[in-house]
Amino acid sequence: MHFDRDLLKAGRRLDARSPVDRDVPRIGLDAEGRAVVTEEYSGFLHGRLWYETFVCHDGDVVEVARLDTVGPIYLHEYRFVHGLMRSAGMVAWCGSGREAYAYIDGRIGRLEIDHDDCGLVRVVEVIGPLRA
C-alpha cells in the first residue's frame, strides 16, 4: 500500500548509483525480493546519506524504522491476516496513531483511524460502511 498511499510510482533497478546531485534512493532487497533497507541521499547536500529506512519481516508482522542523520523519525508496525493488512501502528516524534482495516470483497471497505498528538488529543475517524 506504500505506493498507493503516498501516490508514488514503483521505481526501477539502476545499473549503478545515480550522480550525487540527484535525490535517488538505494534499496537493499532480501532473498525474497522484499525491500529491507532504503538509503536516501540528498542531492543538495553533495550526495550525503540523509535518511535510512529499515524493514523487518516476521511472519504476518512488518516493522519499519525510519531514521535521519540525527536519530529516529518513526517506527511503524503493520499486521497482516491472510495477506491483507489488518492494522497499522505508528509512533513518531510528535504523536502516534493506529489504523484498522476491514475488507469487503478483497478491497478496503472500512478504515478506522485513531491518532494521538503528543498524548494530548485523541481523534477517531471512521471511513467506509459500518459493517466490516
N, C-alpha and C. Protein backbone atom coordinates (compact mmCIF):
# COMPACT_ATOMS: atom_id res chain seq x y z
N MET A 1 0.81 -1.20 0.00
CA MET A 1 0.00 0.00 0.00
C MET A 1 0.86 1.26 0.00
N HIS A 2 2.17 1.12 0.19
CA HIS A 2 3.05 2.29 0.26
C HIS A 2 2.90 3.19 -0.95
N PHE A 3 2.96 2.62 -2.15
CA PHE A 3 2.89 3.44 -3.35
C PHE A 3 1.52 4.07 -3.52
N ASP A 4 0.44 3.31 -3.23
CA ASP A 4 -0.91 3.87 -3.34
C ASP A 4 -1.13 4.98 -2.33
N ARG A 5 -0.73 4.74 -1.09
CA ARG A 5 -0.97 5.71 -0.01
C ARG A 5 -0.24 7.03 -0.28
N ASP A 6 0.99 6.97 -0.77
CA ASP A 6 1.78 8.17 -0.98
C ASP A 6 1.75 8.66 -2.43
N LEU A 7 0.86 8.07 -3.25
CA LEU A 7 0.70 8.45 -4.65
C LEU A 7 2.03 8.41 -5.40
N LEU A 8 2.77 7.32 -5.21
CA LEU A 8 4.08 7.15 -5.83
C LEU A 8 4.03 6.05 -6.88
N LYS A 9 4.96 6.11 -7.81
CA LYS A 9 5.12 5.04 -8.78
C LYS A 9 6.28 4.16 -8.33
N ALA A 10 6.18 2.88 -8.59
CA ALA A 10 7.27 1.97 -8.24
C ALA A 10 8.51 2.34 -9.05
N GLY A 11 9.67 2.18 -8.43
CA GLY A 11 10.92 2.52 -9.10
C GLY A 11 11.41 1.41 -10.00
N ARG A 12 12.61 1.58 -10.50
CA ARG A 12 13.23 0.56 -11.34
C ARG A 12 14.69 0.40 -10.93
N ARG A 13 15.23 -0.76 -11.18
CA ARG A 13 16.62 -1.06 -10.81
C ARG A 13 17.58 -0.31 -11.73
N LEU A 14 18.57 0.35 -11.14
CA LEU A 14 19.60 1.03 -11.91
C LEU A 14 20.87 0.18 -11.89
N ASP A 15 21.68 0.30 -12.94
CA ASP A 15 22.92 -0.46 -13.02
C ASP A 15 23.98 0.07 -12.05
N ALA A 16 23.94 1.36 -11.75
CA ALA A 16 24.92 1.97 -10.85
C ALA A 16 24.25 3.10 -10.09
N ARG A 17 24.91 3.55 -9.01
CA ARG A 17 24.38 4.67 -8.23
C ARG A 17 24.27 5.91 -9.10
N SER A 18 23.19 6.64 -8.92
CA SER A 18 22.99 7.88 -9.66
C SER A 18 24.00 8.92 -9.21
N PRO A 19 24.22 9.96 -10.01
CA PRO A 19 25.14 11.03 -9.61
C PRO A 19 24.70 11.65 -8.28
N VAL A 20 25.67 12.19 -7.51
CA VAL A 20 25.37 12.72 -6.18
C VAL A 20 24.49 13.96 -6.20
N ASP A 21 24.30 14.57 -7.36
CA ASP A 21 23.43 15.74 -7.41
C ASP A 21 21.96 15.38 -7.66
N ARG A 22 21.63 14.09 -7.58
CA ARG A 22 20.25 13.64 -7.76
C ARG A 22 19.73 13.03 -6.48
N ASP A 23 18.47 13.27 -6.17
CA ASP A 23 17.83 12.67 -4.99
C ASP A 23 17.24 11.31 -5.39
N VAL A 24 18.05 10.28 -5.30
CA VAL A 24 17.63 8.94 -5.70
C VAL A 24 17.94 7.96 -4.57
N PRO A 25 16.95 7.19 -4.12
CA PRO A 25 17.22 6.22 -3.04
C PRO A 25 17.91 4.97 -3.55
N ARG A 26 18.65 4.30 -2.66
CA ARG A 26 19.21 2.97 -2.91
C ARG A 26 18.43 2.01 -2.05
N ILE A 27 18.02 0.88 -2.62
CA ILE A 27 17.17 -0.07 -1.92
C ILE A 27 17.87 -1.42 -1.86
N GLY A 28 17.97 -1.97 -0.64
CA GLY A 28 18.53 -3.30 -0.46
C GLY A 28 17.40 -4.31 -0.32
N LEU A 29 17.52 -5.44 -0.99
CA LEU A 29 16.47 -6.45 -1.00
C LEU A 29 16.93 -7.69 -0.25
N ASP A 30 15.96 -8.43 0.32
CA ASP A 30 16.29 -9.70 0.95
C ASP A 30 16.20 -10.81 -0.10
N ALA A 31 16.40 -12.05 0.32
CA ALA A 31 16.40 -13.20 -0.60
C ALA A 31 15.05 -13.38 -1.30
N GLU A 32 13.98 -12.86 -0.70
CA GLU A 32 12.65 -12.98 -1.30
C GLU A 32 12.29 -11.78 -2.17
N GLY A 33 13.23 -10.85 -2.35
CA GLY A 33 12.99 -9.69 -3.21
C GLY A 33 12.24 -8.56 -2.54
N ARG A 34 12.14 -8.61 -1.21
CA ARG A 34 11.44 -7.55 -0.47
C ARG A 34 12.45 -6.48 -0.06
N ALA A 35 12.02 -5.22 -0.10
CA ALA A 35 12.89 -4.12 0.34
C ALA A 35 13.09 -4.23 1.85
N VAL A 36 14.34 -4.25 2.30
CA VAL A 36 14.63 -4.34 3.72
C VAL A 36 15.43 -3.14 4.22
N VAL A 37 16.06 -2.41 3.33
CA VAL A 37 16.74 -1.17 3.71
C VAL A 37 16.68 -0.21 2.53
N THR A 38 16.40 1.04 2.84
CA THR A 38 16.40 2.09 1.83
C THR A 38 17.29 3.22 2.34
N GLU A 39 18.22 3.63 1.51
CA GLU A 39 19.09 4.75 1.84
C GLU A 39 18.74 5.88 0.88
N GLU A 40 18.51 7.07 1.43
CA GLU A 40 18.18 8.22 0.60
C GLU A 40 19.28 9.25 0.72
N TYR A 41 19.84 9.62 -0.41
CA TYR A 41 20.94 10.57 -0.46
C TYR A 41 20.42 11.92 -0.92
N SER A 42 20.93 12.98 -0.34
CA SER A 42 20.47 14.32 -0.66
C SER A 42 21.31 14.91 -1.78
N GLY A 43 20.64 15.31 -2.85
CA GLY A 43 21.34 15.96 -3.97
C GLY A 43 21.86 17.33 -3.62
N PHE A 44 21.16 18.05 -2.75
CA PHE A 44 21.62 19.41 -2.42
C PHE A 44 22.65 19.42 -1.30
N LEU A 45 22.94 18.28 -0.68
CA LEU A 45 23.97 18.20 0.35
C LEU A 45 25.16 17.38 -0.16
N HIS A 46 25.45 17.52 -1.44
CA HIS A 46 26.60 16.86 -2.08
C HIS A 46 26.57 15.34 -1.93
N GLY A 47 25.38 14.79 -2.00
CA GLY A 47 25.24 13.34 -2.03
C GLY A 47 25.38 12.65 -0.69
N ARG A 48 25.26 13.38 0.42
CA ARG A 48 25.37 12.74 1.74
C ARG A 48 24.14 11.89 2.03
N LEU A 49 24.34 10.78 2.75
CA LEU A 49 23.23 9.96 3.21
C LEU A 49 22.38 10.78 4.16
N TRP A 50 21.08 10.86 3.90
CA TRP A 50 20.21 11.72 4.68
C TRP A 50 19.17 10.93 5.46
N TYR A 51 18.56 9.93 4.84
CA TYR A 51 17.56 9.09 5.50
C TYR A 51 17.88 7.63 5.28
N GLU A 52 17.56 6.81 6.29
CA GLU A 52 17.64 5.36 6.16
C GLU A 52 16.33 4.78 6.68
N THR A 53 15.84 3.77 6.00
CA THR A 53 14.64 3.07 6.43
C THR A 53 14.94 1.58 6.46
N PHE A 54 14.63 0.95 7.59
CA PHE A 54 14.87 -0.48 7.75
C PHE A 54 13.53 -1.19 7.92
N VAL A 55 13.39 -2.32 7.25
CA VAL A 55 12.15 -3.09 7.28
C VAL A 55 12.46 -4.50 7.76
N CYS A 56 11.69 -4.96 8.76
CA CYS A 56 11.85 -6.30 9.30
C CYS A 56 10.55 -7.07 9.04
N HIS A 57 10.66 -8.20 8.34
CA HIS A 57 9.52 -9.07 8.06
C HIS A 57 9.57 -10.25 9.01
N ASP A 58 8.52 -10.42 9.80
CA ASP A 58 8.46 -11.53 10.76
C ASP A 58 7.08 -12.17 10.67
N GLY A 59 6.92 -13.09 9.74
CA GLY A 59 5.62 -13.72 9.53
C GLY A 59 4.61 -12.71 9.03
N ASP A 60 3.53 -12.54 9.78
CA ASP A 60 2.46 -11.62 9.40
C ASP A 60 2.64 -10.22 9.98
N VAL A 61 3.83 -9.93 10.50
CA VAL A 61 4.13 -8.61 11.07
C VAL A 61 5.30 -8.00 10.31
N VAL A 62 5.14 -6.74 9.92
CA VAL A 62 6.22 -6.00 9.26
C VAL A 62 6.48 -4.75 10.09
N GLU A 63 7.74 -4.55 10.48
CA GLU A 63 8.14 -3.35 11.22
C GLU A 63 9.00 -2.49 10.32
N VAL A 64 8.76 -1.17 10.38
CA VAL A 64 9.52 -0.22 9.57
C VAL A 64 10.05 0.86 10.49
N ALA A 65 11.37 1.07 10.47
CA ALA A 65 12.00 2.12 11.27
C ALA A 65 12.69 3.09 10.32
N ARG A 66 12.39 4.37 10.46
CA ARG A 66 12.99 5.41 9.61
C ARG A 66 13.84 6.32 10.48
N LEU A 67 15.05 6.60 10.00
CA LEU A 67 15.99 7.43 10.74
C LEU A 67 16.56 8.51 9.82
N ASP A 68 16.97 9.63 10.43
CA ASP A 68 17.72 10.62 9.68
C ASP A 68 19.09 10.74 10.33
N THR A 69 19.84 11.76 9.97
CA THR A 69 21.20 11.89 10.50
C THR A 69 21.22 12.22 11.99
N VAL A 70 20.09 12.65 12.54
CA VAL A 70 20.01 12.99 13.97
C VAL A 70 19.57 11.79 14.80
N GLY A 71 18.66 10.98 14.28
CA GLY A 71 18.16 9.83 15.03
C GLY A 71 16.85 9.32 14.46
N PRO A 72 16.07 8.60 15.26
CA PRO A 72 14.81 8.01 14.80
C PRO A 72 13.77 9.06 14.42
N ILE A 73 13.03 8.77 13.36
CA ILE A 73 11.90 9.61 12.94
C ILE A 73 10.59 8.92 13.30
N TYR A 74 10.47 7.65 12.91
CA TYR A 74 9.25 6.91 13.26
C TYR A 74 9.51 5.42 13.29
N LEU A 75 8.57 4.72 13.92
CA LEU A 75 8.52 3.27 13.91
C LEU A 75 7.08 2.88 13.59
N HIS A 76 6.90 2.08 12.56
CA HIS A 76 5.58 1.60 12.16
C HIS A 76 5.54 0.09 12.28
N GLU A 77 4.38 -0.44 12.64
CA GLU A 77 4.17 -1.88 12.68
C GLU A 77 2.88 -2.19 11.91
N TYR A 78 3.00 -3.07 10.92
CA TYR A 78 1.86 -3.47 10.11
C TYR A 78 1.57 -4.94 10.39
N ARG A 79 0.30 -5.28 10.61
CA ARG A 79 -0.10 -6.67 10.86
C ARG A 79 -1.01 -7.13 9.73
N PHE A 80 -0.73 -8.33 9.25
CA PHE A 80 -1.46 -8.91 8.13
C PHE A 80 -2.17 -10.18 8.56
N VAL A 81 -3.31 -10.45 7.94
CA VAL A 81 -4.03 -11.71 8.11
C VAL A 81 -4.40 -12.19 6.71
N HIS A 82 -3.95 -13.38 6.35
CA HIS A 82 -4.20 -13.95 5.03
C HIS A 82 -3.77 -13.00 3.91
N GLY A 83 -2.63 -12.35 4.09
CA GLY A 83 -2.08 -11.48 3.06
C GLY A 83 -2.67 -10.09 2.99
N LEU A 84 -3.65 -9.77 3.82
CA LEU A 84 -4.26 -8.44 3.81
C LEU A 84 -3.86 -7.68 5.08
N MET A 85 -3.47 -6.42 4.92
CA MET A 85 -3.10 -5.63 6.10
C MET A 85 -4.36 -5.36 6.91
N ARG A 86 -4.31 -5.70 8.20
CA ARG A 86 -5.45 -5.50 9.10
C ARG A 86 -5.26 -4.32 10.02
N SER A 87 -3.99 -3.98 10.35
CA SER A 87 -3.76 -2.83 11.23
C SER A 87 -2.39 -2.24 10.97
N ALA A 88 -2.28 -0.97 11.31
CA ALA A 88 -1.01 -0.25 11.25
C ALA A 88 -0.89 0.53 12.54
N GLY A 89 0.22 0.34 13.24
CA GLY A 89 0.52 1.11 14.45
C GLY A 89 1.70 2.00 14.16
N MET A 90 1.59 3.28 14.52
CA MET A 90 2.62 4.25 14.17
C MET A 90 3.02 5.08 15.37
N VAL A 91 4.32 5.24 15.57
CA VAL A 91 4.86 6.09 16.63
C VAL A 91 5.90 6.99 15.97
N ALA A 92 5.81 8.29 16.25
CA ALA A 92 6.75 9.25 15.67
C ALA A 92 7.14 10.27 16.73
N TRP A 93 7.98 11.24 16.32
CA TRP A 93 8.44 12.28 17.24
C TRP A 93 7.29 12.97 17.96
N CYS A 94 6.27 13.32 17.21
CA CYS A 94 5.15 14.09 17.79
C CYS A 94 3.85 13.35 17.63
N GLY A 95 3.69 12.28 18.35
CA GLY A 95 2.41 11.60 18.35
C GLY A 95 2.48 10.17 17.89
N SER A 96 1.31 9.57 17.89
CA SER A 96 1.19 8.18 17.48
C SER A 96 -0.17 7.97 16.85
N GLY A 97 -0.35 6.82 16.26
CA GLY A 97 -1.64 6.55 15.64
C GLY A 97 -1.80 5.06 15.38
N ARG A 98 -3.03 4.71 15.12
CA ARG A 98 -3.35 3.32 14.80
C ARG A 98 -4.44 3.35 13.74
N GLU A 99 -4.32 2.47 12.78
CA GLU A 99 -5.34 2.32 11.75
C GLU A 99 -5.76 0.86 11.71
N ALA A 100 -7.05 0.63 11.56
CA ALA A 100 -7.58 -0.73 11.44
C ALA A 100 -8.35 -0.81 10.12
N TYR A 101 -8.12 -1.89 9.40
CA TYR A 101 -8.71 -2.06 8.08
C TYR A 101 -9.66 -3.25 8.07
N ALA A 102 -10.82 -3.08 7.47
CA ALA A 102 -11.77 -4.17 7.25
C ALA A 102 -12.00 -4.25 5.74
N TYR A 103 -12.15 -5.45 5.23
CA TYR A 103 -12.24 -5.66 3.80
C TYR A 103 -13.61 -6.17 3.39
N ILE A 104 -14.04 -5.73 2.23
CA ILE A 104 -15.27 -6.21 1.61
C ILE A 104 -14.89 -6.63 0.19
N ASP A 105 -15.05 -7.90 -0.11
CA ASP A 105 -14.69 -8.45 -1.42
C ASP A 105 -13.23 -8.16 -1.78
N GLY A 106 -12.33 -8.28 -0.82
CA GLY A 106 -10.91 -8.12 -1.07
C GLY A 106 -10.41 -6.69 -1.17
N ARG A 107 -11.30 -5.73 -0.97
CA ARG A 107 -10.91 -4.31 -1.03
C ARG A 107 -11.23 -3.66 0.30
N ILE A 108 -10.46 -2.64 0.66
CA ILE A 108 -10.72 -1.96 1.93
C ILE A 108 -12.12 -1.36 1.89
N GLY A 109 -12.96 -1.77 2.83
CA GLY A 109 -14.32 -1.28 2.90
C GLY A 109 -14.53 -0.38 4.11
N ARG A 110 -13.63 -0.46 5.06
CA ARG A 110 -13.76 0.36 6.27
C ARG A 110 -12.36 0.62 6.81
N LEU A 111 -12.14 1.84 7.22
CA LEU A 111 -10.86 2.24 7.79
C LEU A 111 -11.13 3.04 9.06
N GLU A 112 -10.58 2.59 10.17
CA GLU A 112 -10.68 3.31 11.43
C GLU A 112 -9.33 3.93 11.74
N ILE A 113 -9.31 5.23 11.95
CA ILE A 113 -8.07 5.96 12.21
C ILE A 113 -8.14 6.54 13.61
N ASP A 114 -7.12 6.27 14.38
CA ASP A 114 -7.04 6.74 15.77
C ASP A 114 -5.67 7.39 15.94
N HIS A 115 -5.63 8.73 16.08
CA HIS A 115 -4.35 9.45 16.20
C HIS A 115 -4.25 10.14 17.54
N ASP A 116 -3.04 10.27 18.02
CA ASP A 116 -2.75 10.88 19.31
C ASP A 116 -1.62 11.89 19.10
N ASP A 117 -1.91 13.16 19.23
CA ASP A 117 -0.89 14.19 19.06
C ASP A 117 -0.21 14.46 20.39
N CYS A 118 0.97 13.92 20.58
CA CYS A 118 1.79 14.12 21.78
C CYS A 118 1.07 13.77 23.07
N GLY A 119 0.16 12.82 23.02
CA GLY A 119 -0.52 12.39 24.23
C GLY A 119 -1.60 13.33 24.73
N LEU A 120 -1.93 14.35 23.96
CA LEU A 120 -2.88 15.34 24.43
C LEU A 120 -4.27 15.18 23.84
N VAL A 121 -4.36 14.81 22.58
CA VAL A 121 -5.65 14.76 21.89
C VAL A 121 -5.78 13.42 21.19
N ARG A 122 -6.94 12.82 21.25
CA ARG A 122 -7.18 11.58 20.53
C ARG A 122 -8.36 11.81 19.60
N VAL A 123 -8.14 11.56 18.31
CA VAL A 123 -9.16 11.75 17.29
C VAL A 123 -9.41 10.40 16.64
N VAL A 124 -10.67 10.04 16.50
CA VAL A 124 -11.03 8.78 15.85
C VAL A 124 -11.89 9.11 14.64
N GLU A 125 -11.50 8.60 13.48
CA GLU A 125 -12.28 8.77 12.26
C GLU A 125 -12.64 7.39 11.74
N VAL A 126 -13.82 7.25 11.20
CA VAL A 126 -14.22 6.00 10.56
C VAL A 126 -14.59 6.33 9.12
N ILE A 127 -13.96 5.62 8.20
CA ILE A 127 -14.20 5.85 6.78
C ILE A 127 -14.74 4.55 6.21
N GLY A 128 -15.90 4.62 5.58
CA GLY A 128 -16.48 3.44 4.98
C GLY A 128 -17.75 3.00 5.71
N PRO A 129 -18.36 1.92 5.23
CA PRO A 129 -19.59 1.45 5.84
C PRO A 129 -19.39 0.92 7.24
N LEU A 130 -20.45 0.87 8.01
CA LEU A 130 -20.36 0.43 9.39
C LEU A 130 -20.19 -1.08 9.49
N ARG A 131 -20.57 -1.83 8.48
CA ARG A 131 -20.38 -3.28 8.52
C ARG A 131 -18.94 -3.59 8.14
N ALA A 132 -18.38 -4.61 8.76
CA ALA A 132 -16.97 -4.97 8.46
C ALA A 132 -16.89 -6.38 7.96
